[in-house]
Amino acid sequence: MLNKKTGVNLIELIVCMVLISLVVLGFFSVELFSRHHVISSDRRAKLQNDLSYSLEYISKYVQQSAGDINNPAIKVYPTSGVQTGFQTHVDLNDPHTPNDLSDDTWVIFYLNGNTLNSVQDGVTEVLSDKVVSGFDNYIMPASPDKGFYVNITNQGAAVDIGLVARYFPGSAVSVDNPQTAMKTSLVSSGSSEH
């Protein structure tokens, strides 16, 4: 009687190892792909929250602003020199004195490098440190290259604002460094033509 020994030869063992390696690499690449997209989505969501907070904060003061034809509610900041933002004339008195603009406060919003700041009564508050550097006194274009756009209309009674942010604002846009942009139009509630 012939005695046949059955076992695994070297070729079968190599083929088995290659197949197992391909399965493991497949699972690893799916996990790596998922992790990459989770990080990118998380960064984009943080940017959107940051810009949303900034625009909401700005809109609170612009909508409370007051002015007239001689003293507009909204104007660029600073009025002379290198413009970096805008300022709005706000009545923070309690009770409000809409006919007396002399006791109102200027609230300033300006970009310093990558930081969007708000100044009220000499106190500076950082609204975002993710804004792309650069200010433009114009409507935000479809492909923005700056971070802060301000277009004041209706003789200082309305403003269009655009913000562009990146997770790493000083670096170019990439999958790891997403960019997001938001814009809004705001109208002063207390402006008149008189």
C-alpha atoms as a PDB file:
ATOM      1  CA  MET A   1       0.000   0.000   0.000  1.00  0.00           C
ATOM      2  CA  LEU A   2       1.229   3.395  -0.966  1.00  0.00           C
ATOM      3  CA  ASN A   3       1.441   5.905   1.787  1.00  0.00           C
ATOM      4  CA  LYS A   4       0.701   9.431   0.445  1.00  0.00           C
ATOM      5  CA  LYS A   5       1.578  12.237   2.741  1.00  0.00           C
ATOM      6  CA  THR A   6      -0.575  15.294   2.265  1.00  0.00           C
ATOM      7  CA  GLY A   7       0.584  18.620   3.523  1.00  0.00           C
ATOM      8  CA  VAL A   8       1.103  22.217   2.571  1.00  0.00           C
ATOM      9  CA  ASN A   9       3.858  22.907   0.160  1.00  0.00           C
ATOM     10  CA  LEU A  10       5.757  26.181  -0.098  1.00  0.00           C
ATOM     11  CA  ILE A  11       3.766  27.549  -3.070  1.00  0.00           C
ATOM     12  CA  GLU A  12       0.447  27.054  -1.302  1.00  0.00           C
ATOM     13  CA  LEU A  13       1.797  28.717   1.831  1.00  0.00           C
ATOM     14  CA  ILE A  14       3.010  31.778  -0.142  1.00  0.00           C
ATOM     15  CA  VAL A  15      -0.336  32.095  -1.957  1.00  0.00           C
ATOM     16  CA  CYS A  16      -2.181  31.900   1.359  1.00  0.00           C
ATOM     17  CA  MET A  17       0.043  34.584   2.897  1.00  0.00           C
ATOM     18  CA  VAL A  18      -0.450  36.887  -0.100  1.00  0.00           C
ATOM     19  CA  LEU A  19      -4.250  36.506   0.101  1.00  0.00           C
ATOM     20  CA  ILE A  20      -4.285  37.194   3.844  1.00  0.00           C
ATOM     21  CA  SER A  21      -2.028  40.233   3.311  1.00  0.00           C
ATOM     22  CA  LEU A  22      -4.393  41.622   0.661  1.00  0.00           C
ATOM     23  CA  VAL A  23      -7.383  41.238   2.982  1.00  0.00           C
ATOM     24  CA  VAL A  24      -5.534  42.953   5.859  1.00  0.00           C
ATOM     25  CA  LEU A  25      -4.362  45.779   3.582  1.00  0.00           C
ATOM     26  CA  GLY A  26      -7.919  46.228   2.312  1.00  0.00           C
ATOM     27  CA  PHE A  27      -9.265  46.634   5.852  1.00  0.00           C
ATOM     28  CA  PHE A  28      -6.397  48.973   6.758  1.00  0.00           C
ATOM     29  CA  SER A  29      -6.962  51.195   3.717  1.00  0.00           C
ATOM     30  CA  VAL A  30     -10.702  51.446   4.457  1.00  0.00           C
ATOM     31  CA  GLU A  31      -9.917  52.430   8.050  1.00  0.00           C
ATOM     32  CA  LEU A  32      -7.294  54.952   6.935  1.00  0.00           C
ATOM     33  CA  PHE A  33      -9.655  56.440   4.326  1.00  0.00           C
ATOM     34  CA  SER A  34     -12.443  56.719   6.915  1.00  0.00           C
ATOM     35  CA  ARG A  35     -10.174  58.339   9.505  1.00  0.00           C
ATOM     36  CA  HIS A  36      -8.914  60.852   6.940  1.00  0.00           C
ATOM     37  CA  HIS A  37     -12.450  61.900   5.986  1.00  0.00           C
ATOM     38  CA  VAL A  38     -13.596  62.086   9.608  1.00  0.00           C
ATOM     39  CA  ILE A  39     -10.709  64.443  10.422  1.00  0.00           C
ATOM     40  CA  SER A  40     -11.377  66.582   7.336  1.00  0.00           C
ATOM     41  CA  SER A  41     -15.124  66.752   8.096  1.00  0.00           C
ATOM     42  CA  ASP A  42     -14.423  67.624  11.726  1.00  0.00           C
ATOM     43  CA  ARG A  43     -12.105  70.458  10.697  1.00  0.00           C
ATOM     44  CA  ARG A  44     -14.632  71.812   8.189  1.00  0.00           C
ATOM     45  CA  ALA A  45     -17.392  71.706  10.843  1.00  0.00           C
ATOM     46  CA  LYS A  46     -15.174  73.594  13.306  1.00  0.00           C
ATOM     47  CA  LEU A  47     -14.504  76.267  10.679  1.00  0.00           C
ATOM     48  CA  GLN A  48     -18.209  76.612   9.902  1.00  0.00           C
ATOM     49  CA  ASN A  49     -19.008  76.972  13.615  1.00  0.00           C
ATOM     50  CA  ASP A  50     -16.247  79.563  13.979  1.00  0.00           C
ATOM     51  CA  LEU A  51     -17.491  81.663  11.053  1.00  0.00           C
ATOM     52  CA  SER A  52     -21.120  81.255  12.052  1.00  0.00           C
ATOM     53  CA  TYR A  53     -20.358  82.543  15.559  1.00  0.00           C
ATOM     54  CA  SER A  54     -18.396  85.493  14.129  1.00  0.00           C
ATOM     55  CA  LEU A  55     -21.161  86.520  11.718  1.00  0.00           C
ATOM     56  CA  GLU A  56     -23.814  86.138  14.416  1.00  0.00           C
ATOM     57  CA  TYR A  57     -21.788  88.314  16.801  1.00  0.00           C
ATOM     58  CA  ILE A  58     -21.272  90.977  14.119  1.00  0.00           C
ATOM     59  CA  SER A  59     -24.935  90.930  13.072  1.00  0.00           C
ATOM     60  CA  LYS A  60     -26.046  91.530  16.659  1.00  0.00           C
ATOM     61  CA  TYR A  61     -24.282  94.899  16.685  1.00  0.00           C
ATOM     62  CA  VAL A  62     -24.969  95.921  13.088  1.00  0.00           C
ATOM     63  CA  GLN A  63     -28.694  95.354  13.556  1.00  0.00           C
ATOM     64  CA  GLN A  64     -28.613  97.563  16.677  1.00  0.00           C
ATOM     65  CA  SER A  65     -26.657 100.323  14.970  1.00  0.00           C
ATOM     66  CA  ALA A  66     -27.968 103.829  14.430  1.00  0.00           C
ATOM     67  CA  GLY A  67     -26.973 106.778  12.291  1.00  0.00           C
ATOM     68  CA  ASP A  68     -28.084 109.450   9.886  1.00  0.00           C
ATOM     69  CA  ILE A  69     -26.908 110.981   6.613  1.00  0.00           C
ATOM     70  CA  ASN A  70     -24.210 113.051   8.355  1.00  0.00           C
ATOM     71  CA  ASN A  71     -23.072 110.287  10.696  1.00  0.00           C
ATOM     72  CA  PRO A  72     -23.568 106.878   9.018  1.00  0.00           C
ATOM     73  CA  ALA A  73     -24.256 103.842  11.150  1.00  0.00           C
ATOM     74  CA  ILE A  74     -21.602 101.770   9.351  1.00  0.00           C
ATOM     75  CA  LYS A  75     -18.276 102.877   7.877  1.00  0.00           C
ATOM     76  CA  VAL A  76     -14.891 101.405   7.015  1.00  0.00           C
ATOM     77  CA  TYR A  77     -12.211 101.182   9.699  1.00  0.00           C
ATOM     78  CA  PRO A  78     -10.023 103.082   9.912  1.00  0.00           C
ATOM     79  CA  THR A  79     -11.459 105.875   7.823  1.00  0.00           C
ATOM     80  CA  SER A  80      -7.951 106.883   6.673  1.00  0.00           C
ATOM     81  CA  GLY A  81      -4.897 104.709   6.206  1.00  0.00           C
ATOM     82  CA  VAL A  82      -4.842 100.967   5.574  1.00  0.00           C
ATOM     83  CA  GLN A  83      -8.389  99.698   5.918  1.00  0.00           C
ATOM     84  CA  THR A  84      -8.742  96.429   7.808  1.00  0.00           C
ATOM     85  CA  GLY A  85     -12.427  96.274   8.709  1.00  0.00           C
ATOM     86  CA  PHE A  86     -15.493  98.319   9.550  1.00  0.00           C
ATOM     87  CA  GLN A  87     -17.122 100.019  12.507  1.00  0.00           C
ATOM     88  CA  THR A  88     -20.735 100.402  13.497  1.00  0.00           C
ATOM     89  CA  HIS A  89     -22.391 103.081  15.640  1.00  0.00           C
ATOM     90  CA  VAL A  90     -24.382 101.335  18.405  1.00  0.00           C
ATOM     91  CA  ASP A  91     -26.702 102.696  21.091  1.00  0.00           C
ATOM     92  CA  LEU A  92     -25.940 100.557  24.147  1.00  0.00           C
ATOM     93  CA  ASN A  93     -27.721 102.850  26.592  1.00  0.00           C
ATOM     94  CA  ASP A  94     -30.588 101.648  28.738  1.00  0.00           C
ATOM     95  CA  PRO A  95     -33.055 103.033  27.854  1.00  0.00           C
ATOM     96  CA  HIS A  96     -32.051 103.619  24.227  1.00  0.00           C
ATOM     97  CA  THR A  97     -31.757 107.183  23.031  1.00  0.00           C
ATOM     98  CA  PRO A  98     -32.312 106.834  19.258  1.00  0.00           C
ATOM     99  CA  ASN A  99     -32.429 110.591  18.608  1.00  0.00           C
ATOM    100  CA  ASP A 100     -29.149 111.285  20.448  1.00  0.00           C
ATOM    101  CA  LEU A 101     -26.176 109.815  18.578  1.00  0.00           C
ATOM    102  CA  SER A 102     -23.606 111.588  20.762  1.00  0.00           C
ATOM    103  CA  ASP A 103     -23.818 108.982  23.533  1.00  0.00           C
ATOM    104  CA  ASP A 104     -23.485 105.977  21.220  1.00  0.00           C
ATOM    105  CA  THR A 105     -20.463 103.660  21.040  1.00  0.00           C
ATOM    106  CA  TRP A 106     -18.425 102.608  18.019  1.00  0.00           C
ATOM    107  CA  VAL A 107     -18.018  98.839  17.815  1.00  0.00           C
ATOM    108  CA  ILE A 108     -15.087  97.963  15.544  1.00  0.00           C
ATOM    109  CA  PHE A 109     -14.532  94.721  13.606  1.00  0.00           C
ATOM    110  CA  TYR A 110     -11.108  94.355  12.010  1.00  0.00           C
ATOM    111  CA  LEU A 111      -8.706  91.732  10.715  1.00  0.00           C
ATOM    112  CA  ASN A 112      -5.178  91.579  12.125  1.00  0.00           C
ATOM    113  CA  GLY A 113      -3.225  88.883  10.286  1.00  0.00           C
ATOM    114  CA  ASN A 114      -5.450  85.810  10.602  1.00  0.00           C
ATOM    115  CA  THR A 115      -7.372  87.069  13.631  1.00  0.00           C
ATOM    116  CA  LEU A 116     -10.796  88.689  13.370  1.00  0.00           C
ATOM    117  CA  ASN A 117     -11.241  91.044  16.330  1.00  0.00           C
ATOM    118  CA  SER A 118     -14.024  93.079  17.857  1.00  0.00           C
ATOM    119  CA  VAL A 119     -13.325  96.215  19.905  1.00  0.00           C
ATOM    120  CA  GLN A 120     -15.929  97.802  22.139  1.00  0.00           C
ATOM    121  CA  ASP A 121     -15.094 100.504  24.705  1.00  0.00           C
ATOM    122  CA  GLY A 122     -11.390  99.694  24.398  1.00  0.00           C
ATOM    123  CA  VAL A 123     -11.853  95.967  25.089  1.00  0.00           C
ATOM    124  CA  THR A 124     -10.709  93.629  22.306  1.00  0.00           C
ATOM    125  CA  GLU A 125     -12.355  90.256  21.787  1.00  0.00           C
ATOM    126  CA  VAL A 126     -11.058  87.623  19.369  1.00  0.00           C
ATOM    127  CA  LEU A 127     -13.902  86.312  17.210  1.00  0.00           C
ATOM    128  CA  SER A 128     -11.822  83.892  15.111  1.00  0.00           C
ATOM    129  CA  ASP A 129      -8.163  83.061  14.571  1.00  0.00           C
ATOM    130  CA  LYS A 130      -8.794  80.976  11.444  1.00  0.00           C
ATOM    131  CA  VAL A 131      -9.599  83.752   8.936  1.00  0.00           C
ATOM    132  CA  VAL A 132      -7.411  83.966   5.832  1.00  0.00           C
ATOM    133  CA  SER A 133      -5.345  87.158   5.895  1.00  0.00           C
ATOM    134  CA  GLY A 134      -6.393  90.076   3.725  1.00  0.00           C
ATOM    135  CA  PHE A 135      -9.182  92.664   3.747  1.00  0.00           C
ATOM    136  CA  ASP A 136     -11.147  94.004   0.794  1.00  0.00           C
ATOM    137  CA  ASN A 137     -13.748  96.759   0.759  1.00  0.00           C
ATOM    138  CA  TYR A 138     -15.764  94.964  -1.906  1.00  0.00           C
ATOM    139  CA  ILE A 139     -18.332  92.167  -2.351  1.00  0.00           C
ATOM    140  CA  MET A 140     -16.857  88.703  -1.797  1.00  0.00           C
ATOM    141  CA  PRO A 141     -16.173  87.079  -5.207  1.00  0.00           C
ATOM    142  CA  ALA A 142     -16.996  83.479  -6.130  1.00  0.00           C
ATOM    143  CA  SER A 143     -13.326  82.509  -5.710  1.00  0.00           C
ATOM    144  CA  PRO A 144     -12.128  84.614  -2.770  1.00  0.00           C
ATOM    145  CA  ASP A 145      -8.417  85.134  -2.170  1.00  0.00           C
ATOM    146  CA  LYS A 146      -8.758  87.227   0.993  1.00  0.00           C
ATOM    147  CA  GLY A 147     -10.397  86.484   4.328  1.00  0.00           C
ATOM    148  CA  PHE A 148     -12.549  89.516   5.175  1.00  0.00           C
ATOM    149  CA  TYR A 149     -14.829  91.267   2.680  1.00  0.00           C
ATOM    150  CA  VAL A 150     -16.958  94.287   3.567  1.00  0.00           C
ATOM    151  CA  ASN A 151     -19.210  96.192   1.165  1.00  0.00           C
ATOM    152  CA  ILE A 152     -21.045  99.109   2.779  1.00  0.00           C
ATOM    153  CA  THR A 153     -24.179 100.190   0.922  1.00  0.00           C
ATOM    154  CA  ASN A 154     -27.203 102.489   1.303  1.00  0.00           C
ATOM    155  CA  GLN A 155     -25.093 105.430   2.526  1.00  0.00           C
ATOM    156  CA  GLY A 156     -23.787 103.471   5.521  1.00  0.00           C
ATOM    157  CA  ALA A 157     -27.091 101.847   6.487  1.00  0.00           C
ATOM    158  CA  ALA A 158     -26.332  98.314   5.208  1.00  0.00           C
ATOM    159  CA  VAL A 159     -23.325  96.046   4.820  1.00  0.00           C
ATOM    160  CA  ASP A 160     -22.451  92.846   2.965  1.00  0.00           C
ATOM    161  CA  ILE A 161     -19.908  90.772   4.894  1.00  0.00           C
ATOM    162  CA  GLY A 162     -17.890  87.792   3.671  1.00  0.00           C
ATOM    163  CA  LEU A 163     -15.511  85.638   5.702  1.00  0.00           C
ATOM    164  CA  VAL A 164     -13.121  82.963   4.430  1.00  0.00           C
ATOM    165  CA  ALA A 165     -11.348  80.620   6.858  1.00  0.00           C
ATOM    166  CA  ARG A 166      -8.946  77.690   6.742  1.00  0.00           C
ATOM    167  CA  TYR A 167      -8.053  75.249   9.480  1.00  0.00           C
ATOM    168  CA  PHE A 168      -4.422  76.334   9.093  1.00  0.00           C
ATOM    169  CA  PRO A 169      -5.018  79.849   7.730  1.00  0.00           C
ATOM    170  CA  GLY A 170      -1.432  80.507   6.642  1.00  0.00           C
ATOM    171  CA  SER A 171      -1.222  77.353   4.502  1.00  0.00           C
ATOM    172  CA  ALA A 172      -2.701  76.513   1.113  1.00  0.00           C
ATOM    173  CA  VAL A 173      -6.013  74.691   0.771  1.00  0.00           C
ATOM    174  CA  SER A 174      -5.669  70.899   0.838  1.00  0.00           C
ATOM    175  CA  VAL A 175      -7.617  67.870   1.966  1.00  0.00           C
ATOM    176  CA  ASP A 176      -6.022  68.226   5.411  1.00  0.00           C
ATOM    177  CA  ASN A 177      -6.529  71.997   5.402  1.00  0.00           C
ATOM    178  CA  PRO A 178     -10.119  72.647   4.310  1.00  0.00           C
ATOM    179  CA  GLN A 179     -11.417  76.111   3.488  1.00  0.00           C
ATOM    180  CA  THR A 180     -14.907  77.389   4.082  1.00  0.00           C
ATOM    181  CA  ALA A 181     -16.588  80.701   3.312  1.00  0.00           C
ATOM    182  CA  MET A 182     -19.730  82.424   4.565  1.00  0.00           C
ATOM    183  CA  LYS A 183     -21.373  85.706   3.697  1.00  0.00           C
ATOM    184  CA  THR A 184     -24.342  87.699   4.859  1.00  0.00           C
ATOM    185  CA  SER A 185     -26.103  91.006   4.266  1.00  0.00           C
ATOM    186  CA  LEU A 186     -27.061  93.130   7.257  1.00  0.00           C
ATOM    187  CA  VAL A 187     -29.135  96.289   7.617  1.00  0.00           C
ATOM    188  CA  SER A 188     -28.928  98.839  10.395  1.00  0.00           C
ATOM    189  CA  SER A 189     -32.244  99.122  12.186  1.00  0.00           C
ATOM    190  CA  GLY A 190     -31.838 102.731  13.308  1.00  0.00           C
ATOM    191  CA  SER A 191     -30.575 104.647  10.276  1.00  0.00           C
ATOM    192  CA  SER A 192     -32.389 107.514   8.685  1.00  0.00           C
ATOM    193  CA  GLU A 193     -31.819 109.856   5.787  1.00  0.00           C
ATOM    194  CA  HIS A 194     -32.176 112.973   7.949  1.00  0.00           C
END
